[in-house]
């Protein structure tokens, strides 16, 4: 099953600067070959369920290996069965509406 997640991994007990930990998780995602887009407070990831959640597990392992004694993670998870949709499809549908494009019908899906 295809899945899209918004992942935010927060190491605790490591001080206020977490850039090195975020960078390590980005490396895990890239090594997995998953489509992803980092943003200011997390990363959107899309792919097959097993691959995406393996990346979440690996991020936890890597961050713990870097010395974080505790991690808190938040995720928003989305799946669809009515049609295939990518992160870029979702963004494009909203941008098209903002440009004055036609609205997308319920049968076509939406963002």
Protein backbone atom coordinates (compact mmCIF):
# COMPACT_ATOMS: atom_id res chain seq x y z
CA UNK A 1 0.00 0.00 0.00
CA UNK A 2 1.25 3.49 -0.86
CA UNK A 3 1.51 5.96 2.00
CA UNK A 4 2.45 9.59 2.54
CA UNK A 5 3.65 10.72 5.92
CA UNK A 6 4.69 13.98 7.50
CA UNK A 7 7.47 12.98 9.88
CA UNK A 8 8.96 15.01 12.71
CA UNK A 9 11.64 13.26 14.80
CA UNK A 10 12.75 15.22 17.89
CA UNK A 11 15.70 14.00 19.95
CA UNK A 12 15.44 14.83 23.66
CA UNK A 13 18.27 15.31 26.11
CA UNK A 14 20.71 16.61 23.47
CA UNK A 15 20.44 20.37 23.88
CA UNK A 16 18.62 22.89 21.73
CA UNK A 17 20.46 22.40 18.43
CA UNK A 18 19.17 19.35 16.56
CA UNK A 19 20.46 20.01 13.03
CA UNK A 20 22.95 17.13 13.09
CA UNK A 21 20.15 14.70 14.01
CA UNK A 22 17.87 16.04 11.28
CA UNK A 23 20.71 15.69 8.80
CA UNK A 24 21.27 12.08 9.86
CA UNK A 25 17.58 11.28 9.32
CA UNK A 26 17.68 12.94 5.90
CA UNK A 27 20.58 10.65 5.02
CA UNK A 28 18.52 7.61 6.07
CA UNK A 29 15.64 8.73 3.84
CA UNK A 30 17.93 9.39 0.89
CA UNK A 31 19.65 6.02 1.25
CA UNK A 32 16.23 4.36 1.15
CA UNK A 33 15.55 6.05 -2.18
CA UNK A 34 12.16 7.39 -1.10
CA UNK A 35 10.57 10.51 -2.53
CA UNK A 36 10.73 13.15 0.19
CA UNK A 37 10.58 16.87 0.83
CA UNK A 38 12.05 18.45 3.92
CA UNK A 39 10.30 21.50 5.37
CA UNK A 40 10.94 23.71 8.38
CA UNK A 41 9.39 21.36 10.94
CA UNK A 42 9.69 17.90 9.42
CA UNK A 43 9.81 15.90 6.23
CA UNK A 44 7.11 14.62 3.90
CA UNK A 45 7.85 11.10 2.65
CA UNK A 46 6.00 8.92 0.16
CA UNK A 47 6.40 5.29 -0.81
CA UNK A 48 5.30 1.78 0.00
CA UNK A 49 4.10 1.35 3.60
CA UNK A 50 6.86 -1.08 4.62
CA UNK A 51 9.65 1.06 3.15
CA UNK A 52 8.40 4.28 4.71
CA UNK A 53 7.98 2.80 8.18
CA UNK A 54 11.36 1.08 7.93
CA UNK A 55 12.82 4.57 7.42
CA UNK A 56 11.04 5.80 10.55
CA UNK A 57 12.55 2.89 12.52
CA UNK A 58 16.01 3.54 11.06
CA UNK A 59 15.79 7.25 11.93
CA UNK A 60 15.13 6.30 15.54
CA UNK A 61 18.04 3.86 15.55
CA UNK A 62 20.45 6.38 14.04
CA UNK A 63 19.43 9.20 16.37
CA UNK A 64 19.77 6.92 19.42
CA UNK A 65 23.18 5.78 18.12
CA UNK A 66 24.19 9.46 17.99
CA UNK A 67 23.59 9.69 21.74
CA UNK A 68 19.99 10.86 22.09
CA UNK A 69 18.62 9.06 25.16
CA UNK A 70 15.02 9.79 24.20
CA UNK A 71 13.10 10.61 21.02
CA UNK A 72 9.61 11.89 20.45
CA UNK A 73 8.15 11.54 16.98
CA UNK A 74 4.98 12.88 15.47
CA UNK A 75 3.52 11.71 12.19
CA UNK A 76 0.55 12.43 10.04
CA UNK A 77 -0.20 9.46 7.80
CA UNK A 78 -2.30 9.38 4.66
CA UNK A 79 -3.35 6.55 2.37
CA UNK A 80 -5.74 6.39 -0.59
CA UNK A 81 -7.45 3.47 -2.27
CA UNK A 82 -9.50 5.35 -4.87
CA UNK A 83 -6.50 6.40 -7.00
CA UNK A 84 -2.75 6.93 -6.95
CA UNK A 85 -1.60 10.36 -5.82
CA UNK A 86 1.85 11.75 -5.15
CA UNK A 87 3.01 14.66 -3.02
CA UNK A 88 3.59 16.68 -6.17
CA UNK A 89 0.04 15.88 -7.38
CA UNK A 90 -1.38 17.26 -4.14
CA UNK A 91 0.69 20.45 -4.38
CA UNK A 92 -0.10 20.94 -8.06
CA UNK A 93 -3.86 20.62 -7.49
CA UNK A 94 -3.78 23.47 -4.97
CA UNK A 95 -1.50 25.61 -7.13
CA UNK A 96 -3.81 25.11 -10.12
CA UNK A 97 -6.74 26.38 -8.08
CA UNK A 98 -4.73 29.41 -7.00
CA UNK A 99 -3.87 30.14 -10.65
CA UNK A 100 -7.57 30.09 -11.46
CA UNK A 101 -7.66 26.59 -12.90
CA UNK A 102 -10.78 24.51 -12.83
CA UNK A 103 -11.82 22.86 -9.59
CA UNK A 104 -11.14 19.15 -9.28
CA UNK A 105 -14.28 17.03 -9.01
CA UNK A 106 -14.80 14.50 -6.23
CA UNK A 107 -14.34 11.67 -8.72
CA UNK A 108 -10.89 13.01 -9.64
CA UNK A 109 -9.83 13.57 -6.05
CA UNK A 110 -8.26 16.63 -4.49
CA UNK A 111 -5.47 17.74 -2.22
